[in-house]
Amino acid sequence: MGEVELQQTYLRKISETFERLTACTSFFSELKRTSNIYAFEATVLQLRKALECMAFASIAPNKMAYEKLRSKSDGTVDYRKDYNAKKIIQLLSKVNNDFYPVPVLPATKKKSGEWHFDRKKDGYLTKKQFESLYDRLGKFLHADNPWGNDKGVQNLVRELPGIIDQLHALLALHFTVIRTPEFNGVWVIEAGPTTRIPRVVCGKANGEFVVQ
């Protein structure tokens, strides 16, 4: 796949992430109105799939390195069969430690004429929180064992609106760092429900660079 195709794949999966977050909000509204456990489970399912879409998106700019790493794995080595978002995130960290989306504020123009994106300081889902949340949601994808312990449904219900907001804050405007033989730099991504057409702006570095 060429760079344009990989960008389109990234944008498509990020757009699907937002679509699933919209579904989460809809099911959550039904949950608050009815206290229906099935509305809760539908919310959880769409949220977990939203995390998976985000992980699949993150493979795109790192596809060749990720595929190469997976080919050396024990067991199933076909990356096209990967589905566990937490494991994908952990593997991507091995090929590009800076791959995780970095949320930024709208660009401002400096006196020099350059455009600058300030980073968001808080209010978004971190990589560590992503991994923890993915595992936490997994507990609710199966029927309850009648002899098991309380899974903490009410605690999660209270936190769900904030979690959805954190994902919006992370992805609405962000950049991802890319280091490949073909491209060194960043993709700046603008997406989300209020963005009519998701778009990517490339910032290419001439050689090695650091993320500060």
N, C-alpha and C. Protein backbone atom coordinates (compact mmCIF):
# COMPACT_ATOMS: atom_id res chain seq x y z
N MET A 1 0.84 -1.20 0.00
CA MET A 1 0.00 0.00 0.00
C MET A 1 0.88 1.25 0.00
N GLY A 2 0.51 2.25 -0.80
CA GLY A 2 1.23 3.50 -0.81
C GLY A 2 0.81 4.41 0.32
N GLU A 3 1.50 5.53 0.46
CA GLU A 3 1.23 6.45 1.58
C GLU A 3 -0.20 6.97 1.55
N VAL A 4 -0.71 7.30 0.37
CA VAL A 4 -2.07 7.83 0.27
C VAL A 4 -3.08 6.79 0.73
N GLU A 5 -2.88 5.54 0.31
CA GLU A 5 -3.79 4.47 0.71
C GLU A 5 -3.74 4.25 2.22
N LEU A 6 -2.54 4.31 2.80
CA LEU A 6 -2.40 4.14 4.24
C LEU A 6 -3.08 5.29 4.98
N GLN A 7 -2.96 6.50 4.46
CA GLN A 7 -3.64 7.64 5.07
C GLN A 7 -5.15 7.45 5.02
N GLN A 8 -5.66 6.97 3.90
CA GLN A 8 -7.09 6.74 3.76
C GLN A 8 -7.58 5.66 4.73
N THR A 9 -6.76 4.63 4.90
CA THR A 9 -7.10 3.58 5.86
C THR A 9 -7.15 4.17 7.27
N TYR A 10 -6.16 4.98 7.59
CA TYR A 10 -6.12 5.62 8.92
C TYR A 10 -7.37 6.47 9.14
N LEU A 11 -7.68 7.32 8.18
CA LEU A 11 -8.84 8.20 8.31
C LEU A 11 -10.14 7.40 8.39
N ARG A 12 -10.22 6.33 7.61
CA ARG A 12 -11.45 5.53 7.61
C ARG A 12 -11.68 4.88 8.98
N LYS A 13 -10.63 4.35 9.57
CA LYS A 13 -10.79 3.69 10.88
C LYS A 13 -11.00 4.71 12.00
N ILE A 14 -10.38 5.87 11.90
CA ILE A 14 -10.64 6.92 12.90
C ILE A 14 -12.08 7.41 12.78
N SER A 15 -12.57 7.55 11.55
CA SER A 15 -13.97 7.95 11.34
C SER A 15 -14.91 6.90 11.93
N GLU A 16 -14.57 5.63 11.74
CA GLU A 16 -15.40 4.57 12.33
C GLU A 16 -15.36 4.63 13.84
N THR A 17 -14.20 4.99 14.40
CA THR A 17 -14.11 5.16 15.84
C THR A 17 -15.14 6.17 16.33
N PHE A 18 -15.22 7.30 15.65
CA PHE A 18 -16.19 8.33 16.05
C PHE A 18 -17.63 7.87 15.84
N GLU A 19 -17.88 7.13 14.78
CA GLU A 19 -19.22 6.60 14.54
C GLU A 19 -19.64 5.68 15.67
N ARG A 20 -18.70 4.87 16.13
CA ARG A 20 -19.02 3.95 17.24
C ARG A 20 -19.19 4.72 18.56
N LEU A 21 -18.46 5.79 18.73
CA LEU A 21 -18.66 6.63 19.92
C LEU A 21 -20.04 7.29 19.89
N THR A 22 -20.50 7.65 18.70
CA THR A 22 -21.85 8.19 18.58
C THR A 22 -22.88 7.13 18.96
N ALA A 23 -22.63 5.89 18.53
CA ALA A 23 -23.51 4.79 18.92
C ALA A 23 -23.48 4.59 20.44
N CYS A 24 -22.30 4.72 21.03
CA CYS A 24 -22.17 4.62 22.50
C CYS A 24 -23.07 5.63 23.18
N THR A 25 -23.02 6.86 22.72
CA THR A 25 -23.82 7.92 23.32
C THR A 25 -25.30 7.63 23.20
N SER A 26 -25.71 7.10 22.05
CA SER A 26 -27.11 6.76 21.83
C SER A 26 -27.56 5.65 22.77
N PHE A 27 -26.78 4.58 22.85
CA PHE A 27 -27.13 3.48 23.75
C PHE A 27 -27.09 3.92 25.21
N PHE A 28 -26.14 4.81 25.54
CA PHE A 28 -26.04 5.28 26.92
C PHE A 28 -27.27 6.11 27.30
N SER A 29 -27.78 6.89 26.36
CA SER A 29 -29.00 7.66 26.62
C SER A 29 -30.16 6.72 26.91
N GLU A 30 -30.24 5.63 26.15
CA GLU A 30 -31.27 4.62 26.39
C GLU A 30 -31.08 3.98 27.77
N LEU A 31 -29.83 3.73 28.13
CA LEU A 31 -29.53 3.15 29.45
C LEU A 31 -30.00 4.08 30.57
N LYS A 32 -29.71 5.37 30.46
CA LYS A 32 -30.11 6.32 31.50
C LYS A 32 -31.62 6.44 31.59
N ARG A 33 -32.29 6.27 30.47
CA ARG A 33 -33.75 6.39 30.45
C ARG A 33 -34.44 5.16 31.00
N THR A 34 -33.86 3.98 30.76
CA THR A 34 -34.57 2.74 31.09
C THR A 34 -33.87 1.86 32.12
N SER A 35 -32.56 2.12 32.38
CA SER A 35 -31.74 1.24 33.25
C SER A 35 -31.70 -0.19 32.71
N ASN A 36 -31.82 -0.32 31.40
CA ASN A 36 -31.83 -1.62 30.75
C ASN A 36 -30.40 -2.15 30.63
N ILE A 37 -30.15 -3.35 31.15
CA ILE A 37 -28.80 -3.93 31.15
C ILE A 37 -28.30 -4.16 29.73
N TYR A 38 -29.24 -4.42 28.81
CA TYR A 38 -28.82 -4.67 27.43
C TYR A 38 -28.36 -3.37 26.75
N ALA A 39 -28.92 -2.25 27.16
CA ALA A 39 -28.44 -0.97 26.66
C ALA A 39 -27.03 -0.70 27.19
N PHE A 40 -26.78 -1.10 28.43
CA PHE A 40 -25.44 -0.97 29.00
C PHE A 40 -24.45 -1.82 28.21
N GLU A 41 -24.82 -3.07 27.97
CA GLU A 41 -23.91 -3.97 27.26
C GLU A 41 -23.66 -3.50 25.83
N ALA A 42 -24.68 -2.92 25.19
CA ALA A 42 -24.50 -2.39 23.83
C ALA A 42 -23.54 -1.20 23.86
N THR A 43 -23.63 -0.37 24.90
CA THR A 43 -22.70 0.75 25.05
C THR A 43 -21.27 0.25 25.18
N VAL A 44 -21.10 -0.74 26.04
CA VAL A 44 -19.77 -1.30 26.28
C VAL A 44 -19.20 -1.92 25.01
N LEU A 45 -20.02 -2.66 24.29
CA LEU A 45 -19.56 -3.32 23.07
C LEU A 45 -19.07 -2.29 22.04
N GLN A 46 -19.85 -1.23 21.84
CA GLN A 46 -19.46 -0.23 20.85
C GLN A 46 -18.22 0.55 21.30
N LEU A 47 -18.09 0.76 22.60
CA LEU A 47 -16.90 1.45 23.10
C LEU A 47 -15.66 0.58 22.90
N ARG A 48 -15.77 -0.70 23.18
CA ARG A 48 -14.61 -1.58 22.98
C ARG A 48 -14.24 -1.66 21.50
N LYS A 49 -15.25 -1.72 20.63
CA LYS A 49 -14.96 -1.74 19.19
C LYS A 49 -14.35 -0.42 18.73
N ALA A 50 -14.74 0.69 19.37
CA ALA A 50 -14.13 1.98 19.05
C ALA A 50 -12.64 1.95 19.35
N LEU A 51 -12.27 1.34 20.48
CA LEU A 51 -10.85 1.20 20.83
C LEU A 51 -10.13 0.32 19.81
N GLU A 52 -10.80 -0.73 19.36
CA GLU A 52 -10.19 -1.61 18.36
C GLU A 52 -9.97 -0.87 17.04
N CYS A 53 -10.95 -0.05 16.64
CA CYS A 53 -10.79 0.74 15.41
C CYS A 53 -9.61 1.68 15.51
N MET A 54 -9.43 2.28 16.68
CA MET A 54 -8.31 3.18 16.90
C MET A 54 -6.98 2.42 16.78
N ALA A 55 -6.94 1.21 17.34
CA ALA A 55 -5.72 0.40 17.25
C ALA A 55 -5.43 0.00 15.81
N PHE A 56 -6.46 -0.39 15.06
CA PHE A 56 -6.26 -0.75 13.66
C PHE A 56 -5.77 0.46 12.86
N ALA A 57 -6.33 1.63 13.15
CA ALA A 57 -5.87 2.84 12.48
C ALA A 57 -4.38 3.05 12.71
N SER A 58 -3.95 2.81 13.93
CA SER A 58 -2.56 3.07 14.29
C SER A 58 -1.58 2.12 13.59
N ILE A 59 -2.08 0.98 13.13
CA ILE A 59 -1.21 0.08 12.37
C ILE A 59 -0.82 0.71 11.04
N ALA A 60 -1.76 1.45 10.43
CA ALA A 60 -1.59 1.91 9.04
C ALA A 60 -0.25 2.60 8.76
N PRO A 61 0.12 3.66 9.51
CA PRO A 61 1.39 4.33 9.19
C PRO A 61 2.62 3.51 9.57
N ASN A 62 2.41 2.43 10.34
CA ASN A 62 3.51 1.57 10.78
C ASN A 62 3.39 0.16 10.21
N LYS A 63 2.63 0.04 9.12
CA LYS A 63 2.20 -1.27 8.63
C LYS A 63 3.37 -2.21 8.33
N MET A 64 4.37 -1.75 7.61
CA MET A 64 5.46 -2.65 7.20
C MET A 64 6.25 -3.13 8.41
N ALA A 65 6.55 -2.24 9.34
CA ALA A 65 7.30 -2.63 10.54
C ALA A 65 6.47 -3.55 11.42
N TYR A 66 5.17 -3.27 11.51
CA TYR A 66 4.28 -4.10 12.32
C TYR A 66 4.16 -5.50 11.72
N GLU A 67 3.97 -5.55 10.40
CA GLU A 67 3.86 -6.83 9.71
C GLU A 67 5.15 -7.64 9.89
N LYS A 68 6.29 -7.00 9.80
CA LYS A 68 7.57 -7.69 9.96
C LYS A 68 7.72 -8.24 11.37
N LEU A 69 7.34 -7.44 12.37
CA LEU A 69 7.41 -7.90 13.76
C LEU A 69 6.50 -9.08 13.99
N ARG A 70 5.30 -9.00 13.46
CA ARG A 70 4.33 -10.10 13.66
C ARG A 70 4.79 -11.37 12.96
N SER A 71 5.52 -11.26 11.86
CA SER A 71 5.98 -12.44 11.13
C SER A 71 6.98 -13.25 11.95
N LYS A 72 7.57 -12.61 12.96
CA LYS A 72 8.56 -13.29 13.80
C LYS A 72 7.96 -13.80 15.11
N SER A 73 6.64 -13.64 15.27
CA SER A 73 5.99 -14.03 16.51
C SER A 73 5.78 -15.53 16.59
N ASP A 74 5.64 -16.02 17.81
CA ASP A 74 5.25 -17.41 18.01
C ASP A 74 3.75 -17.55 17.76
N GLY A 75 3.33 -18.71 17.32
CA GLY A 75 1.91 -18.92 17.08
C GLY A 75 1.45 -18.26 15.79
N THR A 76 0.23 -17.70 15.83
CA THR A 76 -0.33 -17.04 14.65
C THR A 76 0.49 -15.82 14.30
N VAL A 77 0.98 -15.74 13.07
CA VAL A 77 1.85 -14.64 12.67
C VAL A 77 1.19 -13.72 11.63
N ASP A 78 -0.03 -14.00 11.26
CA ASP A 78 -0.73 -13.20 10.26
C ASP A 78 -1.37 -11.99 10.94
N TYR A 79 -0.78 -10.83 10.74
CA TYR A 79 -1.28 -9.61 11.40
C TYR A 79 -2.70 -9.27 10.97
N ARG A 80 -3.14 -9.81 9.82
CA ARG A 80 -4.49 -9.53 9.34
C ARG A 80 -5.57 -10.20 10.19
N LYS A 81 -5.14 -11.09 11.08
CA LYS A 81 -6.09 -11.76 11.99
C LYS A 81 -6.04 -11.17 13.40
N ASP A 82 -5.24 -10.14 13.60
CA ASP A 82 -5.16 -9.52 14.92
C ASP A 82 -6.47 -8.82 15.26
N TYR A 83 -6.84 -8.86 16.52
CA TYR A 83 -8.08 -8.23 16.95
C TYR A 83 -7.99 -7.60 18.33
N ASN A 84 -7.05 -8.05 19.17
CA ASN A 84 -6.95 -7.56 20.54
C ASN A 84 -6.25 -6.20 20.55
N ALA A 85 -7.01 -5.15 20.83
CA ALA A 85 -6.48 -3.79 20.74
C ALA A 85 -5.32 -3.56 21.71
N LYS A 86 -5.40 -4.11 22.89
CA LYS A 86 -4.32 -3.92 23.86
C LYS A 86 -3.02 -4.52 23.35
N LYS A 87 -3.08 -5.72 22.80
CA LYS A 87 -1.88 -6.36 22.28
C LYS A 87 -1.33 -5.61 21.07
N ILE A 88 -2.23 -5.10 20.22
CA ILE A 88 -1.78 -4.31 19.07
C ILE A 88 -1.03 -3.07 19.53
N ILE A 89 -1.58 -2.39 20.53
CA ILE A 89 -0.95 -1.18 21.07
C ILE A 89 0.44 -1.51 21.64
N GLN A 90 0.53 -2.63 22.35
CA GLN A 90 1.82 -3.01 22.94
C GLN A 90 2.84 -3.37 21.86
N LEU A 91 2.40 -4.05 20.81
CA LEU A 91 3.31 -4.41 19.72
C LEU A 91 3.74 -3.18 18.93
N LEU A 92 2.83 -2.26 18.70
CA LEU A 92 3.18 -1.04 17.99
C LEU A 92 4.23 -0.24 18.75
N SER A 93 4.17 -0.30 20.07
CA SER A 93 5.15 0.41 20.89
C SER A 93 6.57 -0.11 20.67
N LYS A 94 6.67 -1.37 20.22
CA LYS A 94 7.98 -1.95 19.97
C LYS A 94 8.58 -1.47 18.65
N VAL A 95 7.73 -1.12 17.70
CA VAL A 95 8.24 -0.69 16.40
C VAL A 95 8.29 0.84 16.28
N ASN A 96 7.51 1.53 17.11
CA ASN A 96 7.48 2.99 17.09
C ASN A 96 6.92 3.47 18.42
N ASN A 97 7.79 3.83 19.31
CA ASN A 97 7.37 4.19 20.67
C ASN A 97 6.51 5.45 20.70
N ASP A 98 6.53 6.24 19.63
CA ASP A 98 5.78 7.50 19.59
C ASP A 98 4.53 7.42 18.71
N PHE A 99 4.03 6.22 18.46
CA PHE A 99 2.92 6.07 17.53
C PHE A 99 1.61 6.59 18.09
N TYR A 100 1.43 6.55 19.43
CA TYR A 100 0.13 6.84 20.03
C TYR A 100 -0.29 8.28 19.72
N PRO A 101 -1.57 8.50 19.38
CA PRO A 101 -2.03 9.85 19.03
C PRO A 101 -1.69 10.88 20.11
N VAL A 102 -1.26 12.05 19.65
CA VAL A 102 -0.96 13.16 20.55
C VAL A 102 -1.99 14.26 20.27
N PRO A 103 -2.90 14.53 21.20
CA PRO A 103 -3.94 15.53 20.97
C PRO A 103 -3.37 16.95 21.02
N VAL A 104 -3.83 17.78 20.11
CA VAL A 104 -3.34 19.16 20.04
C VAL A 104 -4.50 20.14 19.94
N LEU A 105 -4.18 21.40 20.18
CA LEU A 105 -5.14 22.49 20.05
C LEU A 105 -5.07 23.05 18.62
N PRO A 106 -6.10 23.77 18.18
CA PRO A 106 -6.05 24.36 16.84
C PRO A 106 -4.80 25.18 16.63
N ALA A 107 -4.27 25.16 15.42
CA ALA A 107 -3.00 25.82 15.11
C ALA A 107 -3.12 27.34 15.23
N THR A 108 -2.03 27.93 15.68
CA THR A 108 -1.92 29.38 15.73
C THR A 108 -0.71 29.80 14.89
N LYS A 109 -0.81 30.97 14.27
CA LYS A 109 0.26 31.45 13.41
C LYS A 109 1.25 32.30 14.20
N LYS A 110 2.54 31.93 14.14
CA LYS A 110 3.58 32.66 14.85
C LYS A 110 4.04 33.86 14.01
N LYS A 111 4.80 34.75 14.65
CA LYS A 111 5.28 35.94 13.96
C LYS A 111 6.16 35.58 12.76
N SER A 112 6.81 34.43 12.86
CA SER A 112 7.69 33.98 11.77
C SER A 112 6.91 33.51 10.55
N GLY A 113 5.57 33.36 10.72
CA GLY A 113 4.74 32.86 9.64
C GLY A 113 4.47 31.37 9.72
N GLU A 114 5.14 30.70 10.66
CA GLU A 114 4.94 29.27 10.84
C GLU A 114 3.67 29.02 11.65
N TRP A 115 3.08 27.87 11.39
CA TRP A 115 1.91 27.45 12.16
C TRP A 115 2.34 26.51 13.27
N HIS A 116 1.76 26.68 14.45
CA HIS A 116 2.17 25.90 15.61
C HIS A 116 0.96 25.30 16.31
N PHE A 117 1.08 24.00 16.65
CA PHE A 117 0.03 23.30 17.39
C PHE A 117 0.50 23.11 18.84
N ASP A 118 -0.19 23.71 19.79
CA ASP A 118 0.08 23.43 21.20
C ASP A 118 -0.58 22.11 21.58
N ARG A 119 0.07 21.36 22.44
CA ARG A 119 -0.50 20.09 22.90
C ARG A 119 -1.59 20.33 23.95
N LYS A 120 -2.57 19.45 23.97
CA LYS A 120 -3.51 19.44 25.08
C LYS A 120 -2.79 18.91 26.31
N LYS A 121 -3.05 19.51 27.44
CA LYS A 121 -2.34 19.12 28.65
C LYS A 121 -3.04 17.99 29.40
N ASP A 122 -4.35 17.90 29.28
CA ASP A 122 -5.08 16.86 30.01
C ASP A 122 -6.46 16.67 29.37
N GLY A 123 -7.25 15.78 29.98
CA GLY A 123 -8.62 15.58 29.52
C GLY A 123 -8.78 14.58 28.41
N TYR A 124 -7.71 13.84 28.08
CA TYR A 124 -7.78 12.87 26.99
C TYR A 124 -7.33 11.49 27.50
N LEU A 125 -7.62 10.46 26.71
CA LEU A 125 -7.30 9.09 27.10
C LEU A 125 -5.84 8.79 26.78
N THR A 126 -5.05 8.50 27.81
CA THR A 126 -3.64 8.17 27.60
C THR A 126 -3.49 6.72 27.16
N LYS A 127 -2.29 6.38 26.73
CA LYS A 127 -2.03 5.00 26.29
C LYS A 127 -2.23 4.01 27.45
N LYS A 128 -1.77 4.37 28.62
CA LYS A 128 -1.94 3.50 29.79
C LYS A 128 -3.41 3.33 30.11
N GLN A 129 -4.17 4.40 30.04
CA GLN A 129 -5.61 4.32 30.30
C GLN A 129 -6.31 3.50 29.23
N PHE A 130 -5.86 3.61 27.98
CA PHE A 130 -6.41 2.82 26.88
C PHE A 130 -6.31 1.33 27.20
N GLU A 131 -5.12 0.89 27.58
CA GLU A 131 -4.90 -0.52 27.85
C GLU A 131 -5.75 -1.00 29.03
N SER A 132 -5.83 -0.19 30.07
CA SER A 132 -6.62 -0.55 31.25
C SER A 132 -8.10 -0.62 30.91
N LEU A 133 -8.58 0.37 30.14
CA LEU A 133 -9.99 0.41 29.77
C LEU A 133 -10.37 -0.77 28.91
N TYR A 134 -9.52 -1.13 27.96
CA TYR A 134 -9.82 -2.25 27.07
C TYR A 134 -10.05 -3.53 27.87
N ASP A 135 -9.18 -3.80 28.84
CA ASP A 135 -9.35 -4.97 29.69
C ASP A 135 -10.60 -4.86 30.54
N ARG A 136 -10.84 -3.69 31.06
CA ARG A 136 -12.01 -3.49 31.93
C ARG A 136 -13.31 -3.74 31.18
N LEU A 137 -13.41 -3.26 29.96
CA LEU A 137 -14.62 -3.45 29.17
C LEU A 137 -14.83 -4.92 28.82
N GLY A 138 -13.73 -5.66 28.68
CA GLY A 138 -13.84 -7.07 28.30
C GLY A 138 -14.63 -7.90 29.29
N LYS A 139 -14.67 -7.48 30.55
CA LYS A 139 -15.40 -8.24 31.57
C LYS A 139 -16.89 -8.26 31.31
N PHE A 140 -17.38 -7.28 30.56
CA PHE A 140 -18.83 -7.16 30.37
C PHE A 140 -19.30 -7.73 29.04
N LEU A 141 -18.41 -8.39 28.30
CA LEU A 141 -18.78 -8.95 27.01
C LEU A 141 -19.29 -10.38 27.12
N HIS A 142 -19.37 -10.88 28.34
CA HIS A 142 -19.82 -12.25 28.56
C HIS A 142 -20.94 -12.26 29.60
N ALA A 143 -21.78 -13.28 29.54
CA ALA A 143 -22.84 -13.43 30.53
C ALA A 143 -22.23 -13.60 31.91
N ASP A 144 -22.93 -13.12 32.92
CA ASP A 144 -22.43 -13.19 34.29
C ASP A 144 -22.45 -14.61 34.83
N ASN A 145 -21.36 -15.00 35.44
CA ASN A 145 -21.34 -16.24 36.21
C ASN A 145 -22.08 -15.98 37.52
N PRO A 146 -23.13 -16.74 37.82
CA PRO A 146 -23.93 -16.44 39.02
C PRO A 146 -23.15 -16.58 40.31
N TRP A 147 -21.98 -17.23 40.28
CA TRP A 147 -21.17 -17.39 41.49
C TRP A 147 -19.97 -16.44 41.49
N GLY A 148 -19.95 -15.57 40.51
CA GLY A 148 -18.83 -14.65 40.42
C GLY A 148 -19.03 -13.39 41.26
N ASN A 149 -18.06 -12.50 41.20
CA ASN A 149 -18.11 -11.26 41.96
C ASN A 149 -18.74 -10.14 41.14
N ASP A 150 -19.12 -9.08 41.83
CA ASP A 150 -19.67 -7.89 41.17
C ASP A 150 -18.61 -7.30 40.23
N LYS A 151 -18.99 -7.03 39.00
CA LYS A 151 -18.05 -6.52 38.00
C LYS A 151 -17.87 -5.00 38.07
N GLY A 152 -18.67 -4.34 38.87
CA GLY A 152 -18.56 -2.88 38.97
C GLY A 152 -19.33 -2.14 37.90
N VAL A 153 -20.53 -2.62 37.58
CA VAL A 153 -21.34 -2.00 36.54
C VAL A 153 -21.62 -0.54 36.85
N GLN A 154 -22.08 -0.27 38.06
CA GLN A 154 -22.48 1.10 38.40
C GLN A 154 -21.30 2.06 38.35
N ASN A 155 -20.14 1.59 38.75
CA ASN A 155 -18.95 2.45 38.67
C ASN A 155 -18.66 2.84 37.22
N LEU A 156 -18.75 1.85 36.32
CA LEU A 156 -18.48 2.12 34.91
C LEU A 156 -19.55 3.04 34.32
N VAL A 157 -20.80 2.82 34.70
CA VAL A 157 -21.88 3.67 34.21
C VAL A 157 -21.62 5.13 34.54
N ARG A 158 -21.15 5.39 35.76
CA ARG A 158 -20.85 6.76 36.16
C ARG A 158 -19.69 7.35 35.35
N GLU A 159 -18.76 6.50 34.93
CA GLU A 159 -17.56 6.98 34.25
C GLU A 159 -17.70 7.07 32.73
N LEU A 160 -18.69 6.40 32.17
CA LEU A 160 -18.79 6.30 30.72
C LEU A 160 -18.84 7.66 29.99
N PRO A 161 -19.64 8.63 30.44
CA PRO A 161 -19.66 9.91 29.72
C PRO A 161 -18.28 10.56 29.67
N GLY A 162 -17.54 10.51 30.78
CA GLY A 162 -16.20 11.08 30.82
C GLY A 162 -15.24 10.35 29.91
N ILE A 163 -15.36 9.02 29.84
CA ILE A 163 -14.49 8.22 28.98
C ILE A 163 -14.72 8.57 27.51
N ILE A 164 -15.99 8.69 27.13
CA ILE A 164 -16.32 9.04 25.74
C ILE A 164 -15.76 10.42 25.42
N ASP A 165 -15.90 11.35 26.36
CA ASP A 165 -15.34 12.70 26.16
C ASP A 165 -13.81 12.66 26.01
N GLN A 166 -13.16 11.80 26.79
CA GLN A 166 -11.70 11.68 26.71
C GLN A 166 -11.25 11.18 25.34
N LEU A 167 -12.02 10.26 24.76
CA LEU A 167 -11.66 9.76 23.43
C LEU A 167 -11.88 10.83 22.36
N HIS A 168 -12.95 11.59 22.50
CA HIS A 168 -13.17 12.71 21.58
C HIS A 168 -12.02 13.71 21.68
N ALA A 169 -11.63 14.01 22.92
CA ALA A 169 -10.55 14.98 23.14
C ALA A 169 -9.23 14.49 22.56
N LEU A 170 -9.02 13.18 22.60
CA LEU A 170 -7.79 12.60 22.08
C LEU A 170 -7.71 12.68 20.56
N LEU A 171 -8.82 12.39 19.89
CA LEU A 171 -8.77 12.13 18.45
C LEU A 171 -9.27 13.26 17.55
N ALA A 172 -10.02 14.21 18.08
CA ALA A 172 -10.63 15.24 17.22
C ALA A 172 -9.57 16.00 16.42
N LEU A 173 -8.46 16.32 17.08
CA LEU A 173 -7.32 16.95 16.40
C LEU A 173 -6.07 16.40 17.06
N HIS A 174 -5.30 15.63 16.31
CA HIS A 174 -4.14 14.96 16.91
C HIS A 174 -3.06 14.75 15.84
N PHE A 175 -1.88 14.38 16.30
CA PHE A 175 -0.86 13.95 15.34
C PHE A 175 -0.31 12.60 15.77
N THR A 176 0.18 11.87 14.79
CA THR A 176 0.84 10.60 15.05
C THR A 176 2.22 10.65 14.39
N VAL A 177 3.20 10.13 15.10
CA VAL A 177 4.59 10.19 14.64
C VAL A 177 4.90 8.96 13.79
N ILE A 178 5.60 9.16 12.68
CA ILE A 178 5.93 8.07 11.76
C ILE A 178 7.43 8.08 11.51
N ARG A 179 8.02 6.91 11.63
CA ARG A 179 9.45 6.75 11.32
C ARG A 179 9.61 5.50 10.48
N THR A 180 9.68 5.68 9.18
CA THR A 180 9.86 4.56 8.27
C THR A 180 10.93 4.95 7.24
N PRO A 181 11.45 3.97 6.49
CA PRO A 181 12.42 4.32 5.44
C PRO A 181 11.83 5.27 4.40
N GLU A 182 10.49 5.22 4.25
CA GLU A 182 9.85 6.05 3.22
C GLU A 182 9.45 7.43 3.74
N PHE A 183 9.19 7.52 5.05
CA PHE A 183 8.66 8.79 5.58
C PHE A 183 9.06 8.98 7.03
N ASN A 184 9.66 10.12 7.33
CA ASN A 184 9.95 10.54 8.70
C ASN A 184 9.19 11.83 8.97
N GLY A 185 8.33 11.82 9.97
CA GLY A 185 7.58 13.03 10.27
C GLY A 185 6.30 12.74 11.01
N VAL A 186 5.29 13.55 10.77
CA VAL A 186 4.01 13.38 11.46
C VAL A 186 2.86 13.52 10.48
N TRP A 187 1.75 12.86 10.83
CA TRP A 187 0.47 13.14 10.21
C TRP A 187 -0.36 13.90 11.23
N VAL A 188 -0.87 15.05 10.85
CA VAL A 188 -1.81 15.79 11.70
C VAL A 188 -3.21 15.48 11.19
N ILE A 189 -4.05 14.98 12.09
CA ILE A 189 -5.36 14.47 11.70
C ILE A 189 -6.47 15.33 12.31
N GLU A 190 -7.40 15.74 11.48
CA GLU A 190 -8.61 16.41 11.95
C GLU A 190 -9.80 15.54 11.58
N ALA A 191 -10.57 15.14 12.58
CA ALA A 191 -11.67 14.22 12.34
C ALA A 191 -12.77 14.49 13.37
N GLY A 192 -13.77 13.62 13.40
CA GLY A 192 -14.81 13.74 14.42
C GLY A 192 -16.16 14.12 13.84
N PRO A 193 -17.19 14.07 14.68
CA PRO A 193 -18.57 14.32 14.23
C PRO A 193 -18.79 15.70 13.64
N THR A 194 -18.01 16.70 14.08
CA THR A 194 -18.20 18.06 13.57
C THR A 194 -17.34 18.36 12.34
N THR A 195 -16.54 17.40 11.93
CA THR A 195 -15.69 17.57 10.75
C THR A 195 -16.35 16.88 9.56
N ARG A 196 -16.72 17.66 8.56
CA ARG A 196 -17.48 17.10 7.44
C ARG A 196 -16.66 16.06 6.69
N ILE A 197 -15.40 16.36 6.40
CA ILE A 197 -14.53 15.42 5.71
C ILE A 197 -13.23 15.29 6.51
N PRO A 198 -12.94 14.12 7.09
CA PRO A 198 -11.67 13.94 7.82
C PRO A 198 -10.49 14.24 6.91
N ARG A 199 -9.45 14.82 7.47
CA ARG A 199 -8.31 15.16 6.62
C ARG A 199 -7.00 14.97 7.38
N VAL A 200 -5.94 14.85 6.59
CA VAL A 200 -4.61 14.68 7.15
C VAL A 200 -3.66 15.68 6.50
N VAL A 201 -2.81 16.28 7.33
CA VAL A 201 -1.76 17.18 6.87
C VAL A 201 -0.43 16.55 7.24
N CYS A 202 0.47 16.44 6.29
CA CYS A 202 1.76 15.79 6.52
C CYS A 202 2.83 16.83 6.88
N GLY A 203 3.61 16.48 7.88
CA GLY A 203 4.79 17.27 8.22
C GLY A 203 6.01 16.38 8.11
N LYS A 204 6.80 16.57 7.06
CA LYS A 204 7.92 15.66 6.79
C LYS A 204 9.22 16.25 7.31
N ALA A 205 10.01 15.40 7.98
CA ALA A 205 11.32 15.82 8.50
C ALA A 205 12.41 15.37 7.54
N ASN A 206 13.42 16.19 7.41
CA ASN A 206 14.57 15.83 6.58
C ASN A 206 15.62 15.13 7.44
N GLY A 207 15.38 13.87 7.72
CA GLY A 207 16.29 13.10 8.58
C GLY A 207 15.68 12.80 9.93
N GLU A 208 16.53 12.46 10.88
CA GLU A 208 16.08 12.10 12.22
C GLU A 208 15.47 13.31 12.93
N PHE A 209 14.54 13.04 13.83
CA PHE A 209 13.91 14.11 14.59
C PHE A 209 13.45 13.56 15.94
N VAL A 210 13.13 14.44 16.86
CA VAL A 210 12.65 14.04 18.19
C VAL A 210 11.29 14.65 18.42
N VAL A 211 10.51 14.00 19.29
CA VAL A 211 9.18 14.49 19.68
C VAL A 211 9.31 15.10 21.06
N GLN A 212 9.02 16.38 21.17
CA GLN A 212 9.15 17.07 22.46
C GLN A 212 7.78 17.44 23.01
